Amino acid sequence: MKLVRFGEAGAEKPGMLDAQGGIRDLSNEIEDITGDALTEKGLERLRALDPASLPLVEGTPRLGPCVAQVGKLVCIGLNYSDHAAESGVPVPEEPVIFMKATSCICGPDDPIIIPRGSEKTDWEVELAFVIGREARYIDQADWRDYVAGYCVVNDVSERAYQLESPGQWVKGKSADSFGPVGPWLVTADEIPDPQTLDLWLEVDGKRYQDGNTNTMVFGVAHLLSDVSQYMSLQPGDIISTGTPPGVGMGQKPQTYLRPGQTVRLGIAGLGEQTHTVVAAQ
């Protein structure tokens, strides 16, 4: 299944895609695509529905983030060796874990807002997975039991706030609009191997990132197990798995986003995002 949320920001409705790619309204079946809907029981209920029996959504509504009421947005840094190299740091010996404020989460085609005073707003296309079952201290061999599905995340980053004095990763990662999620949540049964997915990103039509998840330092199984050693995970939590090389900070000369630019990114089977870059008001 491909699950979506559509409508104006703050008033999105739940939906699913039909075989033709049309959006079918789920609001008579569930309140929203939250953790409760993403448990094994919740997904079984949705799979039992015939999409053709649900109301067809006309036109092309705005898509919101494909998961609502996200409790935690956990991210993994430097998880592609080539990205670590372009960042000038060694490949980590264990996953680098950081958090983004959930207030940064936005829709897959919403604007990217450059914060006031920012001169180094950067891009990062990432595979994310969504938790479907409470997880703590899990073994890598059991990882599939805990993943509800996958989606695209753009881990937008302000590099000066992140890395320069007094730099902190959370400060550089949490501005409003710095967490576009979607367009769809693709359930795990449609992605048998998350370590074989092509992912890419373009700015104004120029391709900067072009990678594959098979080059992750730590795969989904390892990451899920590792994160669960340090915090419990609940249904609806999102873990974003890191970015391949090609970020603006790694260009020569370094290249950062400016108002008026267009950012497009996507992952095979998980859809695409398109953002206009704007300045904060």
C-alpha atoms as a PDB file:
ATOM      1  CA  MET A   1       0.000   0.000   0.000  1.00  0.00           C
ATOM      2  CA  LYS A   2       0.900   3.600  -0.522  1.00  0.00           C
ATOM      3  CA  LEU A   3      -0.585   5.799   2.185  1.00  0.00           C
ATOM      4  CA  VAL A   4      -0.870   9.578   1.854  1.00  0.00           C
ATOM      5  CA  ARG A   5      -2.220  12.582   3.690  1.00  0.00           C
ATOM      6  CA  PHE A   6      -3.825  15.325   1.622  1.00  0.00           C
ATOM      7  CA  GLY A   7      -5.270  18.772   2.208  1.00  0.00           C
ATOM      8  CA  GLU A   8      -4.263  22.089   3.699  1.00  0.00           C
ATOM      9  CA  ALA A   9      -1.552  22.150   6.342  1.00  0.00           C
ATOM     10  CA  GLY A  10      -2.999  21.229   9.703  1.00  0.00           C
ATOM     11  CA  ALA A  11      -6.197  19.850   8.177  1.00  0.00           C
ATOM     12  CA  GLU A  12      -4.919  16.876   6.188  1.00  0.00           C
ATOM     13  CA  LYS A  13      -7.042  13.806   5.625  1.00  0.00           C
ATOM     14  CA  PRO A  14      -5.767  10.221   5.337  1.00  0.00           C
ATOM     15  CA  GLY A  15      -5.750   8.476   1.986  1.00  0.00           C
ATOM     16  CA  MET A  16      -4.309   5.636  -0.043  1.00  0.00           C
ATOM     17  CA  LEU A  17      -3.329   5.360  -3.682  1.00  0.00           C
ATOM     18  CA  ASP A  18      -5.353   3.136  -5.983  1.00  0.00           C
ATOM     19  CA  ALA A  19      -3.932   1.045  -8.828  1.00  0.00           C
ATOM     20  CA  GLN A  20      -4.047   4.039 -11.172  1.00  0.00           C
ATOM     21  CA  GLY A  21      -2.272   6.363  -8.745  1.00  0.00           C
ATOM     22  CA  GLY A  22      -5.424   8.201  -7.717  1.00  0.00           C
ATOM     23  CA  ILE A  23      -5.937   9.244  -4.117  1.00  0.00           C
ATOM     24  CA  ARG A  24      -8.749   7.490  -2.269  1.00  0.00           C
ATOM     25  CA  ASP A  25     -10.164   9.134   0.854  1.00  0.00           C
ATOM     26  CA  LEU A  26      -9.718   7.074   4.034  1.00  0.00           C
ATOM     27  CA  SER A  27     -11.269   9.589   6.421  1.00  0.00           C
ATOM     28  CA  ASN A  28     -14.409   7.464   6.900  1.00  0.00           C
ATOM     29  CA  GLU A  29     -12.215   4.526   7.930  1.00  0.00           C
ATOM     30  CA  ILE A  30      -9.506   6.058  10.156  1.00  0.00           C
ATOM     31  CA  GLU A  31      -8.937   9.445  11.743  1.00  0.00           C
ATOM     32  CA  ASP A  32      -5.426   9.863  10.367  1.00  0.00           C
ATOM     33  CA  ILE A  33      -2.236   8.024   9.464  1.00  0.00           C
ATOM     34  CA  THR A  34      -0.788   7.911  12.954  1.00  0.00           C
ATOM     35  CA  GLY A  35       1.019   5.241  14.909  1.00  0.00           C
ATOM     36  CA  ASP A  36      -2.237   3.410  15.659  1.00  0.00           C
ATOM     37  CA  ALA A  37      -2.927   2.958  11.939  1.00  0.00           C
ATOM     38  CA  LEU A  38       0.615   1.710  11.328  1.00  0.00           C
ATOM     39  CA  THR A  39       0.599  -1.206  13.753  1.00  0.00           C
ATOM     40  CA  GLU A  40       0.227  -4.706  12.341  1.00  0.00           C
ATOM     41  CA  LYS A  41      -3.460  -4.686  13.268  1.00  0.00           C
ATOM     42  CA  GLY A  42      -4.003  -1.237  11.788  1.00  0.00           C
ATOM     43  CA  LEU A  43      -2.330  -2.107   8.492  1.00  0.00           C
ATOM     44  CA  GLU A  44      -4.253  -5.381   8.231  1.00  0.00           C
ATOM     45  CA  ARG A  45      -7.482  -3.405   8.496  1.00  0.00           C
ATOM     46  CA  LEU A  46      -6.380  -1.066   5.697  1.00  0.00           C
ATOM     47  CA  ARG A  47      -5.241  -3.932   3.460  1.00  0.00           C
ATOM     48  CA  ALA A  48      -8.709  -5.464   3.737  1.00  0.00           C
ATOM     49  CA  LEU A  49     -10.232  -2.399   2.069  1.00  0.00           C
ATOM     50  CA  ASP A  50     -10.884  -2.241  -1.660  1.00  0.00           C
ATOM     51  CA  PRO A  51      -9.450   1.115  -2.777  1.00  0.00           C
ATOM     52  CA  ALA A  52     -12.022   1.283  -5.582  1.00  0.00           C
ATOM     53  CA  SER A  53     -14.778   1.356  -2.957  1.00  0.00           C
ATOM     54  CA  LEU A  54     -13.383   4.512  -1.336  1.00  0.00           C
ATOM     55  CA  PRO A  55     -14.203   8.065  -2.479  1.00  0.00           C
ATOM     56  CA  LEU A  56     -11.883   9.320  -5.214  1.00  0.00           C
ATOM     57  CA  VAL A  57     -10.207  12.631  -4.419  1.00  0.00           C
ATOM     58  CA  GLU A  58     -10.598  14.990  -7.346  1.00  0.00           C
ATOM     59  CA  GLY A  59      -7.850  17.258  -8.656  1.00  0.00           C
ATOM     60  CA  THR A  60      -4.333  17.514  -7.299  1.00  0.00           C
ATOM     61  CA  PRO A  61      -4.541  18.450  -3.636  1.00  0.00           C
ATOM     62  CA  ARG A  62      -1.551  19.436  -1.553  1.00  0.00           C
ATOM     63  CA  LEU A  63       0.121  16.432   0.064  1.00  0.00           C
ATOM     64  CA  GLY A  64       1.051  16.677   3.716  1.00  0.00           C
ATOM     65  CA  PRO A  65       3.708  14.640   5.512  1.00  0.00           C
ATOM     66  CA  CYS A  66       2.689  11.011   5.081  1.00  0.00           C
ATOM     67  CA  VAL A  67       2.739  10.298   8.832  1.00  0.00           C
ATOM     68  CA  ALA A  68       0.894  12.413  11.400  1.00  0.00           C
ATOM     69  CA  GLN A  69       1.686  13.035  15.064  1.00  0.00           C
ATOM     70  CA  VAL A  70       5.262  11.814  14.762  1.00  0.00           C
ATOM     71  CA  GLY A  71       6.683  11.261  18.229  1.00  0.00           C
ATOM     72  CA  LYS A  72      10.354  11.160  17.251  1.00  0.00           C
ATOM     73  CA  LEU A  73      12.274  12.042  14.105  1.00  0.00           C
ATOM     74  CA  VAL A  74      15.576  10.225  14.622  1.00  0.00           C
ATOM     75  CA  CYS A  75      18.375  10.748  12.109  1.00  0.00           C
ATOM     76  CA  ILE A  76      21.660   9.032  11.334  1.00  0.00           C
ATOM     77  CA  GLY A  77      24.688  11.092  10.386  1.00  0.00           C
ATOM     78  CA  LEU A  78      27.577  10.240   8.090  1.00  0.00           C
ATOM     79  CA  ASN A  79      26.083   6.883   7.095  1.00  0.00           C
ATOM     80  CA  TYR A  80      27.577   6.780   3.603  1.00  0.00           C
ATOM     81  CA  SER A  81      31.362   6.550   3.485  1.00  0.00           C
ATOM     82  CA  ASP A  82      31.646   8.962   0.534  1.00  0.00           C
ATOM     83  CA  HIS A  83      29.542  11.528   2.383  1.00  0.00           C
ATOM     84  CA  ALA A  84      31.786  11.199   5.440  1.00  0.00           C
ATOM     85  CA  ALA A  85      34.768  11.813   3.155  1.00  0.00           C
ATOM     86  CA  GLU A  86      33.272  14.937   1.591  1.00  0.00           C
ATOM     87  CA  SER A  87      32.476  16.159   5.123  1.00  0.00           C
ATOM     88  CA  GLY A  88      36.125  15.691   6.079  1.00  0.00           C
ATOM     89  CA  VAL A  89      35.495  13.211   8.906  1.00  0.00           C
ATOM     90  CA  PRO A  90      36.301   9.520   9.403  1.00  0.00           C
ATOM     91  CA  VAL A  91      33.687   6.854   8.680  1.00  0.00           C
ATOM     92  CA  PRO A  92      31.908   6.263  12.006  1.00  0.00           C
ATOM     93  CA  GLU A  93      32.578   3.015  13.843  1.00  0.00           C
ATOM     94  CA  GLU A  94      28.991   3.009  15.098  1.00  0.00           C
ATOM     95  CA  PRO A  95      25.889   4.929  14.025  1.00  0.00           C
ATOM     96  CA  VAL A  96      25.857   8.668  14.714  1.00  0.00           C
ATOM     97  CA  ILE A  97      22.397   9.417  16.132  1.00  0.00           C
ATOM     98  CA  PHE A  98      20.795  12.847  16.343  1.00  0.00           C
ATOM     99  CA  MET A  99      17.261  14.251  16.487  1.00  0.00           C
ATOM    100  CA  LYS A 100      15.359  16.809  14.475  1.00  0.00           C
ATOM    101  CA  ALA A 101      12.556  18.752  16.141  1.00  0.00           C
ATOM    102  CA  THR A 102       9.226  17.349  14.914  1.00  0.00           C
ATOM    103  CA  SER A 103       8.103  20.938  14.224  1.00  0.00           C
ATOM    104  CA  CYS A 104      10.389  20.844  11.172  1.00  0.00           C
ATOM    105  CA  ILE A 105       8.218  18.190   9.494  1.00  0.00           C
ATOM    106  CA  CYS A 106       6.325  19.391   6.423  1.00  0.00           C
ATOM    107  CA  GLY A 107       4.813  18.105   3.197  1.00  0.00           C
ATOM    108  CA  PRO A 108       6.767  16.711   0.246  1.00  0.00           C
ATOM    109  CA  ASP A 109       6.120  19.717  -1.980  1.00  0.00           C
ATOM    110  CA  ASP A 110       6.004  22.480   0.621  1.00  0.00           C
ATOM    111  CA  PRO A 111       8.558  25.326   0.358  1.00  0.00           C
ATOM    112  CA  ILE A 112      11.961  25.059   1.989  1.00  0.00           C
ATOM    113  CA  ILE A 113      12.294  28.146   4.155  1.00  0.00           C
ATOM    114  CA  ILE A 114      15.803  29.557   4.573  1.00  0.00           C
ATOM    115  CA  PRO A 115      16.094  30.760   8.188  1.00  0.00           C
ATOM    116  CA  ARG A 116      16.819  34.394   8.947  1.00  0.00           C
ATOM    117  CA  GLY A 117      20.550  35.021   8.692  1.00  0.00           C
ATOM    118  CA  SER A 118      21.299  31.688   7.064  1.00  0.00           C
ATOM    119  CA  GLU A 119      23.926  31.539   4.347  1.00  0.00           C
ATOM    120  CA  LYS A 120      24.543  27.777   4.344  1.00  0.00           C
ATOM    121  CA  THR A 121      21.228  25.955   3.975  1.00  0.00           C
ATOM    122  CA  ASP A 122      21.959  22.553   2.447  1.00  0.00           C
ATOM    123  CA  TRP A 123      20.108  19.484   1.142  1.00  0.00           C
ATOM    124  CA  GLU A 124      20.226  15.739   1.942  1.00  0.00           C
ATOM    125  CA  VAL A 125      18.041  13.098   0.249  1.00  0.00           C
ATOM    126  CA  GLU A 126      17.475  10.188   2.633  1.00  0.00           C
ATOM    127  CA  LEU A 127      15.635   6.897   2.954  1.00  0.00           C
ATOM    128  CA  ALA A 128      13.517   6.817   6.106  1.00  0.00           C
ATOM    129  CA  PHE A 129      11.686   3.949   7.742  1.00  0.00           C
ATOM    130  CA  VAL A 130       8.649   4.211   9.994  1.00  0.00           C
ATOM    131  CA  ILE A 131       8.149   2.165  13.134  1.00  0.00           C
ATOM    132  CA  GLY A 132       5.050  -0.046  13.338  1.00  0.00           C
ATOM    133  CA  ARG A 133       5.548  -1.760  16.687  1.00  0.00           C
ATOM    134  CA  GLU A 134       7.014  -0.673  20.001  1.00  0.00           C
ATOM    135  CA  ALA A 135      10.723  -1.469  19.919  1.00  0.00           C
ATOM    136  CA  ARG A 136      13.353  -1.636  22.612  1.00  0.00           C
ATOM    137  CA  TYR A 137      16.545  -3.701  22.756  1.00  0.00           C
ATOM    138  CA  ILE A 138      15.695  -5.569  19.563  1.00  0.00           C
ATOM    139  CA  ASP A 139      17.977  -8.015  17.771  1.00  0.00           C
ATOM    140  CA  GLN A 140      19.019  -7.266  14.196  1.00  0.00           C
ATOM    141  CA  ALA A 141      17.504 -10.571  13.066  1.00  0.00           C
ATOM    142  CA  ASP A 142      14.046  -9.364  14.115  1.00  0.00           C
ATOM    143  CA  TRP A 143      14.116  -5.964  12.431  1.00  0.00           C
ATOM    144  CA  ARG A 144      11.373  -6.696   9.872  1.00  0.00           C
ATOM    145  CA  ASP A 145       8.843  -7.170  12.671  1.00  0.00           C
ATOM    146  CA  TYR A 146       9.148  -3.488  13.581  1.00  0.00           C
ATOM    147  CA  VAL A 147       9.089  -1.644  10.237  1.00  0.00           C
ATOM    148  CA  ALA A 148       5.694  -0.438   8.996  1.00  0.00           C
ATOM    149  CA  GLY A 149       7.037   1.149   5.827  1.00  0.00           C
ATOM    150  CA  TYR A 150       9.409   3.532   4.080  1.00  0.00           C
ATOM    151  CA  CYS A 151       9.368   7.099   2.784  1.00  0.00           C
ATOM    152  CA  VAL A 152      11.539   9.889   1.412  1.00  0.00           C
ATOM    153  CA  VAL A 153      12.981  12.508   3.767  1.00  0.00           C
ATOM    154  CA  ASN A 154      14.963  15.619   2.849  1.00  0.00           C
ATOM    155  CA  ASP A 155      17.208  16.266   5.846  1.00  0.00           C
ATOM    156  CA  VAL A 156      17.563  19.993   5.169  1.00  0.00           C
ATOM    157  CA  SER A 157      20.488  21.401   7.155  1.00  0.00           C
ATOM    158  CA  GLU A 158      21.979  24.797   8.012  1.00  0.00           C
ATOM    159  CA  ARG A 159      25.699  24.056   8.097  1.00  0.00           C
ATOM    160  CA  ALA A 160      26.846  27.138  10.009  1.00  0.00           C
ATOM    161  CA  TYR A 161      24.331  26.454  12.765  1.00  0.00           C
ATOM    162  CA  GLN A 162      25.294  22.777  12.728  1.00  0.00           C
ATOM    163  CA  LEU A 163      29.082  22.940  12.591  1.00  0.00           C
ATOM    164  CA  GLU A 164      30.454  26.422  13.233  1.00  0.00           C
ATOM    165  CA  SER A 165      30.935  28.029  16.635  1.00  0.00           C
ATOM    166  CA  PRO A 166      28.910  27.291  18.672  1.00  0.00           C
ATOM    167  CA  GLY A 167      27.687  24.596  16.287  1.00  0.00           C
ATOM    168  CA  GLN A 168      25.167  21.978  17.333  1.00  0.00           C
ATOM    169  CA  TRP A 169      23.574  19.398  15.068  1.00  0.00           C
ATOM    170  CA  VAL A 170      20.049  19.852  16.441  1.00  0.00           C
ATOM    171  CA  LYS A 171      20.256  23.639  15.907  1.00  0.00           C
ATOM    172  CA  GLY A 172      21.327  23.122  12.308  1.00  0.00           C
ATOM    173  CA  LYS A 173      18.674  20.514  11.539  1.00  0.00           C
ATOM    174  CA  SER A 174      15.439  21.702  13.150  1.00  0.00           C
ATOM    175  CA  ALA A 175      14.250  24.912  11.484  1.00  0.00           C
ATOM    176  CA  ASP A 176      10.688  25.011  10.195  1.00  0.00           C
ATOM    177  CA  SER A 177      10.428  23.158   6.832  1.00  0.00           C
ATOM    178  CA  PHE A 178      13.722  21.287   7.392  1.00  0.00           C
ATOM    179  CA  GLY A 179      11.971  17.889   7.439  1.00  0.00           C
ATOM    180  CA  PRO A 180       9.901  17.236   4.300  1.00  0.00           C
ATOM    181  CA  VAL A 181       8.415  13.721   4.586  1.00  0.00           C
ATOM    182  CA  GLY A 182       6.675  11.799   1.791  1.00  0.00           C
ATOM    183  CA  PRO A 183       4.966  11.876  -0.666  1.00  0.00           C
ATOM    184  CA  TRP A 184       3.836   8.403   0.406  1.00  0.00           C
ATOM    185  CA  LEU A 185       4.375   5.908   3.147  1.00  0.00           C
ATOM    186  CA  VAL A 186       5.045   2.699   1.210  1.00  0.00           C
ATOM    187  CA  THR A 187       4.321  -0.327   3.377  1.00  0.00           C
ATOM    188  CA  ALA A 188       7.186  -2.698   4.024  1.00  0.00           C
ATOM    189  CA  ASP A 189       5.705  -5.553   1.993  1.00  0.00           C
ATOM    190  CA  GLU A 190       6.261  -3.487  -1.179  1.00  0.00           C
ATOM    191  CA  ILE A 191       9.960  -2.932  -0.412  1.00  0.00           C
ATOM    192  CA  PRO A 192      11.459  -6.398   0.139  1.00  0.00           C
ATOM    193  CA  ASP A 193      15.029  -5.071   0.385  1.00  0.00           C
ATOM    194  CA  PRO A 194      15.577  -1.455   1.474  1.00  0.00           C
ATOM    195  CA  GLN A 195      19.298  -1.775   0.722  1.00  0.00           C
ATOM    196  CA  THR A 196      18.848  -1.743  -3.074  1.00  0.00           C
ATOM    197  CA  LEU A 197      17.147   1.624  -3.671  1.00  0.00           C
ATOM    198  CA  ASP A 198      18.443   4.375  -5.955  1.00  0.00           C
ATOM    199  CA  LEU A 199      18.141   7.889  -4.532  1.00  0.00           C
ATOM    200  CA  TRP A 200      18.897  11.263  -6.119  1.00  0.00           C
ATOM    201  CA  LEU A 201      18.574  15.031  -5.714  1.00  0.00           C
ATOM    202  CA  GLU A 202      18.674  17.969  -8.135  1.00  0.00           C
ATOM    203  CA  VAL A 203      18.799  21.734  -7.664  1.00  0.00           C
ATOM    204  CA  ASP A 204      17.492  23.766 -10.618  1.00  0.00           C
ATOM    205  CA  GLY A 205      17.820  20.686 -12.796  1.00  0.00           C
ATOM    206  CA  LYS A 206      21.465  19.967 -11.889  1.00  0.00           C
ATOM    207  CA  ARG A 207      21.939  16.566 -10.293  1.00  0.00           C
ATOM    208  CA  TYR A 208      24.065  16.729  -7.177  1.00  0.00           C
ATOM    209  CA  GLN A 209      23.242  13.453  -5.439  1.00  0.00           C
ATOM    210  CA  ASP A 210      22.973  10.100  -7.209  1.00  0.00           C
ATOM    211  CA  GLY A 211      23.415   7.104  -4.938  1.00  0.00           C
ATOM    212  CA  ASN A 212      22.069   3.770  -3.782  1.00  0.00           C
ATOM    213  CA  THR A 213      21.204   2.543  -0.315  1.00  0.00           C
ATOM    214  CA  ASN A 214      23.472  -0.474  -0.821  1.00  0.00           C
ATOM    215  CA  THR A 215      26.413   1.787   0.066  1.00  0.00           C
ATOM    216  CA  MET A 216      25.177   2.644   3.554  1.00  0.00           C
ATOM    217  CA  VAL A 217      27.743   2.043   6.265  1.00  0.00           C
ATOM    218  CA  PHE A 218      24.989   0.673   8.522  1.00  0.00           C
ATOM    219  CA  GLY A 219      21.836  -0.802   6.969  1.00  0.00           C
ATOM    220  CA  VAL A 220      18.271  -0.563   8.199  1.00  0.00           C
ATOM    221  CA  ALA A 221      18.527  -3.731  10.314  1.00  0.00           C
ATOM    222  CA  HIS A 222      21.624  -2.480  12.111  1.00  0.00           C
ATOM    223  CA  LEU A 223      20.205   1.017  12.629  1.00  0.00           C
ATOM    224  CA  LEU A 224      16.900  -0.167  14.054  1.00  0.00           C
ATOM    225  CA  SER A 225      18.627  -2.462  16.504  1.00  0.00           C
ATOM    226  CA  ASP A 226      21.197   0.157  17.482  1.00  0.00           C
ATOM    227  CA  VAL A 227      18.737   3.007  18.065  1.00  0.00           C
ATOM    228  CA  SER A 228      16.509   0.733  20.147  1.00  0.00           C
ATOM    229  CA  GLN A 229      19.389   0.204  22.582  1.00  0.00           C
ATOM    230  CA  TYR A 230      19.304   3.898  23.530  1.00  0.00           C
ATOM    231  CA  MET A 231      15.599   4.778  23.394  1.00  0.00           C
ATOM    232  CA  SER A 232      12.291   3.016  23.012  1.00  0.00           C
ATOM    233  CA  LEU A 233      10.585   3.473  19.667  1.00  0.00           C
ATOM    234  CA  GLN A 234       6.839   3.765  19.199  1.00  0.00           C
ATOM    235  CA  PRO A 235       4.590   3.262  16.152  1.00  0.00           C
ATOM    236  CA  GLY A 236       4.785   6.320  13.934  1.00  0.00           C
ATOM    237  CA  ASP A 237       8.354   7.250  14.893  1.00  0.00           C
ATOM    238  CA  ILE A 238      10.583   7.937  11.879  1.00  0.00           C
ATOM    239  CA  ILE A 239      14.255   7.020  11.477  1.00  0.00           C
ATOM    240  CA  SER A 240      16.049   8.732   8.587  1.00  0.00           C
ATOM    241  CA  THR A 241      19.099   6.767   7.519  1.00  0.00           C
ATOM    242  CA  GLY A 242      21.643   9.274   6.190  1.00  0.00           C
ATOM    243  CA  THR A 243      22.542  10.742   2.834  1.00  0.00           C
ATOM    244  CA  PRO A 244      24.858   9.781  -0.050  1.00  0.00           C
ATOM    245  CA  PRO A 245      27.574  12.162  -1.276  1.00  0.00           C
ATOM    246  CA  GLY A 246      26.767  15.296  -3.216  1.00  0.00           C
ATOM    247  CA  VAL A 247      25.562  17.733  -0.565  1.00  0.00           C
ATOM    248  CA  GLY A 248      26.231  21.438  -1.049  1.00  0.00           C
ATOM    249  CA  MET A 249      28.870  21.516   1.685  1.00  0.00           C
ATOM    250  CA  GLY A 250      30.893  18.957  -0.299  1.00  0.00           C
ATOM    251  CA  GLN A 251      30.978  20.938  -3.547  1.00  0.00           C
ATOM    252  CA  LYS A 252      34.047  22.839  -4.699  1.00  0.00           C
ATOM    253  CA  PRO A 253      33.286  25.650  -4.164  1.00  0.00           C
ATOM    254  CA  GLN A 254      30.626  24.967  -1.552  1.00  0.00           C
ATOM    255  CA  THR A 255      27.109  25.563  -2.879  1.00  0.00           C
ATOM    256  CA  TYR A 256      24.069  26.412  -0.779  1.00  0.00           C
ATOM    257  CA  LEU A 257      20.397  27.064  -1.415  1.00  0.00           C
ATOM    258  CA  ARG A 258      19.079  30.490  -2.396  1.00  0.00           C
ATOM    259  CA  PRO A 259      15.532  31.857  -2.597  1.00  0.00           C
ATOM    260  CA  GLY A 260      13.895  31.106  -5.936  1.00  0.00           C
ATOM    261  CA  GLN A 261      15.633  27.797  -6.537  1.00  0.00           C
ATOM    262  CA  THR A 262      13.820  24.487  -7.044  1.00  0.00           C
ATOM    263  CA  VAL A 263      14.896  21.269  -5.307  1.00  0.00           C
ATOM    264  CA  ARG A 264      13.726  17.890  -6.629  1.00  0.00           C
ATOM    265  CA  LEU A 265      14.571  14.568  -5.038  1.00  0.00           C
ATOM    266  CA  GLY A 266      13.337  11.016  -4.989  1.00  0.00           C
ATOM    267  CA  ILE A 267      13.893   7.373  -4.168  1.00  0.00           C
ATOM    268  CA  ALA A 268      12.992   4.445  -6.432  1.00  0.00           C
ATOM    269  CA  GLY A 269       9.537   3.147  -5.512  1.00  0.00           C
ATOM    270  CA  LEU A 270       8.964   5.802  -2.850  1.00  0.00           C
ATOM    271  CA  GLY A 271       8.104   8.829  -4.973  1.00  0.00           C
ATOM    272  CA  GLU A 272       9.494  12.337  -5.421  1.00  0.00           C
ATOM    273  CA  GLN A 273       9.507  15.685  -3.663  1.00  0.00           C
ATOM    274  CA  THR A 274       9.652  19.152  -5.266  1.00  0.00           C
ATOM    275  CA  HIS A 275      10.379  22.274  -3.238  1.00  0.00           C
ATOM    276  CA  THR A 276      10.628  25.958  -4.010  1.00  0.00           C
ATOM    277  CA  VAL A 277      13.199  27.706  -1.825  1.00  0.00           C
ATOM    278  CA  VAL A 278      11.985  30.853  -0.071  1.00  0.00           C
ATOM    279  CA  ALA A 279      13.367  33.251   2.542  1.00  0.00           C
ATOM    280  CA  ALA A 280      11.918  33.388   6.036  1.00  0.00           C
ATOM    281  CA  GLN A 281       9.603  36.339   6.607  1.00  0.00           C
END
